[in-house]
Structure formats: structure tokens, C-alpha cells
Amino acid sequence: MFRIAIALVMLLAASTAMATEAGWALLRNGGQVVLVNHALALGSEDPANLELGNCATQSNLSDQGRQQARSMGALFYARAAPIEMVLTSRYCRARETADIAFRDSPIEAFAPLDDLSADPEAAEEQIQAMLERILAYRGSGNLLMVTHPANIQAIAGVRPRPAEAVVLSRAGETVGLAGRITFR
């Protein structure tokens, strides 16, 4: 039984590595849209008194999360994945991830990338605004969108780990999952 468990872990690790390499292959040529989950944050939820402009009222990156962001940026630049623009949620953990990882690229706040609203109508408006931006992208470099797990799940249908990137496929009005990149 122990050998089966070890074999399954090794198979999963190999599968993740292959998926990551496929994701990098897509990014090398540019023109892709990538949803990036913010790096590891302290706590799992924001306090009730959250204020977007005040990081003291939010769940922020941990030291491990800052290291993840540094590793993420180093890998993007080392693998020559061209970055045209970085859009980020206005939440501090997403902004800090973007600032640390992609400091040499243009970074802009994009409100629809904020943590997905609990109000279904507002959440649908956010999703539509994200989809419009994703489908309209025509740049030669890659567009990175630093956001939150629920947003990525709503767009790509997968729930990412902290500091995981999801490369999207776009065809007509359809958005799908083209690849995933994990950062270690």
C-alpha cells in the first residue's frame, strides 16, 4: 500500500511538471492572457473592517508569500516570457505580489480583479468585465492578471494554489484553460 501511495505522489509530481512546461511553452511566444493567483497570504479571510486602501485591514502576504512572488518573477524573466502588461486586484496581497514579481513591467490596478463579490449580481458584473478584457487582448507580449482564487475559478474552472498561474485559451467568445504553471 505504501508503494502505491509513493507511486501516486511521483506520478502527480511528474504530471505537474509536464503541465508547467506546457504552460511555459505557451508563454515564450507571447500573446497569452495569464491569471495569476496572489502569493501565500496570512490568514484565509479578510477582516470585516476591510478597507481597500488600508493594508492594515487586510490579509497580507506572508514572508513565504513574498519569497514565492520573488521566485515567480525570477522564473518569468529567466524563461524569457515577455510581459506586456500586468493588471492587478486592488487588494494589498495581489498588488504586493505584482510589485515584487513583475516590478520591471507596467502594472495597473483593475477593479474587476478584486476578490469576487459575495453578491451574485456584482460577481457576475466582475466576471463579465474580466472576460471582456481577456477576450479583447491582442498584444504581442503576455498580459498577466494578478487576482484571487475565486476569480480564477469563475473564469478558468480551476481553483489555483497560491502563486499558481493559469494560462487561458481564447477562441471567439470562449475562454478556457490552456495550461498551468506552478512556482516552487
Protein backbone atom coordinates (compact mmCIF):
# COMPACT_ATOMS: atom_id res chain seq x y z
CA MET A 1 0.00 0.00 0.00
CA PHE A 2 2.86 2.36 0.84
CA ARG A 3 4.46 1.74 -2.58
CA ILE A 4 1.19 2.60 -4.32
CA ALA A 5 0.98 5.88 -2.39
CA ILE A 6 4.58 6.75 -3.30
CA ALA A 7 3.92 5.89 -6.97
CA LEU A 8 0.83 8.13 -6.99
CA VAL A 9 2.77 11.03 -5.47
CA MET A 10 5.54 10.61 -8.05
CA LEU A 11 3.00 10.44 -10.88
CA LEU A 12 1.30 13.60 -9.65
CA ALA A 13 4.65 15.42 -9.41
CA ALA A 14 5.57 14.36 -12.95
CA SER A 15 2.14 15.44 -14.23
CA THR A 16 2.50 18.86 -12.56
CA ALA A 17 5.98 19.32 -14.04
CA MET A 18 4.71 18.44 -17.52
CA ALA A 19 1.76 20.85 -17.17
CA THR A 20 4.13 23.59 -16.02
CA GLU A 21 6.44 23.05 -19.02
CA ALA A 22 3.48 23.16 -21.40
CA GLY A 23 2.42 26.46 -19.81
CA TRP A 24 5.91 27.95 -20.25
CA ALA A 25 5.96 26.86 -23.89
CA LEU A 26 2.78 28.88 -24.50
CA LEU A 27 4.20 31.96 -22.79
CA ARG A 28 7.52 32.08 -24.64
CA ASN A 29 5.81 33.25 -27.84
CA GLY A 30 3.74 35.95 -26.11
CA GLY A 31 0.18 36.98 -26.86
CA GLN A 32 -1.26 34.98 -23.96
CA VAL A 33 -3.50 36.03 -21.08
CA VAL A 34 -2.45 34.60 -17.73
CA LEU A 35 -4.43 34.65 -14.49
CA VAL A 36 -2.01 34.67 -11.54
CA ASN A 37 -3.20 33.79 -8.07
CA HIS A 38 -1.63 36.07 -5.48
CA ALA A 39 1.15 34.55 -3.39
CA LEU A 40 0.58 32.99 0.05
CA ALA A 41 -1.15 35.34 2.48
CA LEU A 42 -1.51 35.31 6.25
CA GLY A 43 -4.92 34.01 7.27
CA SER A 44 -7.64 32.78 4.99
CA GLU A 45 -10.11 35.66 5.10
CA ASP A 46 -10.09 39.42 5.33
CA PRO A 47 -11.38 41.07 8.50
CA ALA A 48 -14.89 42.57 8.49
CA ASN A 49 -13.45 46.11 8.60
CA LEU A 50 -11.61 45.73 5.28
CA GLU A 51 -10.63 48.95 3.51
CA LEU A 52 -9.04 48.58 0.07
CA GLY A 53 -6.65 51.49 0.60
CA ASN A 54 -5.50 50.30 4.04
CA CYS A 55 -3.33 47.18 4.09
CA ALA A 56 -3.58 47.02 7.90
CA THR A 57 -7.22 45.96 7.45
CA GLN A 58 -6.48 43.11 5.03
CA SER A 59 -4.95 39.65 4.89
CA ASN A 60 -1.44 40.35 3.54
CA LEU A 61 1.42 38.32 2.10
CA SER A 62 3.40 36.18 4.50
CA ASP A 63 7.21 36.04 4.32
CA GLN A 64 6.79 32.79 2.39
CA GLY A 65 4.38 34.57 0.03
CA ARG A 66 6.95 37.32 -0.64
CA GLN A 67 9.51 34.63 -1.45
CA GLN A 68 7.00 32.96 -3.79
CA ALA A 69 6.49 36.28 -5.57
CA ARG A 70 10.25 36.78 -5.97
CA SER A 71 10.60 33.25 -7.38
CA MET A 72 7.67 33.80 -9.72
CA GLY A 73 9.18 36.96 -11.17
CA ALA A 74 12.64 35.45 -11.48
CA LEU A 75 11.22 32.50 -13.43
CA PHE A 76 9.22 34.71 -15.77
CA TYR A 77 12.30 36.77 -16.61
CA ALA A 78 14.69 33.77 -16.74
CA ARG A 79 12.41 31.88 -19.12
CA ALA A 80 12.09 34.95 -21.34
CA ALA A 81 8.31 35.01 -21.14
CA PRO A 82 7.60 38.52 -22.48
CA ILE A 83 5.33 40.60 -20.26
CA GLU A 84 3.46 43.44 -21.92
CA MET A 85 1.27 44.49 -19.02
CA VAL A 86 0.33 43.42 -15.50
CA LEU A 87 -3.17 44.14 -14.23
CA THR A 88 -3.79 43.57 -10.54
CA SER A 89 -6.55 43.44 -7.99
CA ARG A 90 -6.55 46.44 -5.66
CA TYR A 91 -6.17 44.15 -2.62
CA CYS A 92 -2.77 44.54 -0.95
CA ARG A 93 -1.78 40.86 -1.27
CA ALA A 94 -2.35 40.92 -5.03
CA ARG A 95 -0.71 44.33 -5.52
CA GLU A 96 2.32 43.25 -3.47
CA THR A 97 2.60 40.01 -5.46
CA ALA A 98 2.58 42.03 -8.69
CA ASP A 99 5.02 44.64 -7.36
CA ILE A 100 7.54 42.05 -6.16
CA ALA A 101 7.26 39.60 -9.05
CA PHE A 102 6.84 41.93 -12.00
CA ARG A 103 8.48 45.16 -10.84
CA ASP A 104 10.12 45.77 -14.24
CA SER A 105 6.78 45.67 -16.11
CA PRO A 106 3.94 48.20 -16.33
CA ILE A 107 1.46 47.47 -13.51
CA GLU A 108 -2.09 48.85 -13.27
CA ALA A 109 -4.92 48.26 -10.83
CA PHE A 110 -8.04 46.75 -12.43
CA ALA A 111 -11.04 46.70 -10.05
CA PRO A 112 -12.79 43.64 -11.60
CA LEU A 113 -9.81 41.56 -10.42
CA ASP A 114 -10.67 42.37 -6.77
CA ASP A 115 -11.77 39.40 -4.67
CA LEU A 116 -15.01 38.13 -6.19
CA SER A 117 -18.03 39.78 -4.61
CA ALA A 118 -20.35 37.75 -2.38
CA ASP A 119 -23.28 39.47 -4.10
CA PRO A 120 -24.17 37.28 -7.12
CA GLU A 121 -25.15 40.25 -9.32
CA ALA A 122 -21.94 42.17 -8.54
CA ALA A 123 -19.87 39.00 -9.01
CA GLU A 124 -21.42 38.46 -12.46
CA GLU A 125 -20.51 42.05 -13.41
CA GLN A 126 -16.92 41.43 -12.29
CA ILE A 127 -16.71 38.20 -14.28
CA GLN A 128 -18.09 39.91 -17.40
CA ALA A 129 -15.60 42.79 -17.08
CA MET A 130 -12.71 40.30 -16.70
CA LEU A 131 -13.91 38.28 -19.70
CA GLU A 132 -14.22 41.41 -21.85
CA ARG A 133 -10.64 42.41 -21.01
CA ILE A 134 -9.36 38.87 -21.62
CA LEU A 135 -11.12 38.49 -24.97
CA ALA A 136 -10.08 41.97 -26.15
CA TYR A 137 -6.35 41.41 -25.54
CA ARG A 138 -4.28 41.47 -28.73
CA GLY A 139 -0.77 42.37 -27.52
CA SER A 140 2.46 40.71 -28.60
CA GLY A 141 3.69 40.15 -25.02
CA ASN A 142 1.73 38.34 -22.32
CA LEU A 143 -0.99 40.02 -20.26
CA LEU A 144 -0.79 38.96 -16.62
CA MET A 145 -3.78 39.44 -14.33
CA VAL A 146 -2.97 39.05 -10.62
CA THR A 147 -6.14 38.14 -8.78
CA HIS A 148 -7.76 35.73 -6.29
CA PRO A 149 -8.68 32.02 -6.34
CA ALA A 150 -12.45 32.54 -6.70
CA ASN A 151 -11.95 34.84 -9.71
CA ILE A 152 -9.70 32.32 -11.43
CA GLN A 153 -12.14 29.51 -10.72
CA ALA A 154 -15.01 31.58 -12.18
CA ILE A 155 -13.07 32.23 -15.40
CA ALA A 156 -10.99 29.06 -15.91
CA GLY A 157 -12.90 26.44 -13.93
CA VAL A 158 -9.91 25.50 -11.74
CA ARG A 159 -9.02 26.56 -8.20
CA PRO A 160 -5.33 27.54 -8.14
CA ARG A 161 -2.80 27.20 -5.35
CA PRO A 162 -1.08 30.33 -4.01
CA ALA A 163 1.24 31.83 -6.66
CA GLU A 164 -0.02 29.50 -9.38
CA ALA A 165 -0.59 30.83 -12.90
CA VAL A 166 -3.31 29.72 -15.28
CA VAL A 167 -2.76 30.29 -18.99
CA LEU A 168 -6.02 30.86 -20.84
CA SER A 169 -7.08 29.78 -24.30
CA ARG A 170 -9.27 32.19 -26.25
CA ALA A 171 -11.39 31.34 -29.27
CA GLY A 172 -14.13 33.69 -30.38
CA GLU A 173 -16.14 34.43 -27.25
CA THR A 174 -14.87 31.35 -25.39
CA VAL A 175 -12.23 31.28 -22.68
CA GLY A 176 -10.72 28.03 -21.43
CA LEU A 177 -7.75 26.51 -19.68
CA ALA A 178 -4.64 26.15 -21.87
CA GLY A 179 -2.02 25.44 -19.21
CA ARG A 180 -0.98 25.85 -15.59
CA ILE A 181 2.31 26.95 -14.09
CA THR A 182 3.33 26.22 -10.53
CA PHE A 183 6.17 28.08 -8.85
CA ARG A 184 8.39 26.37 -6.31
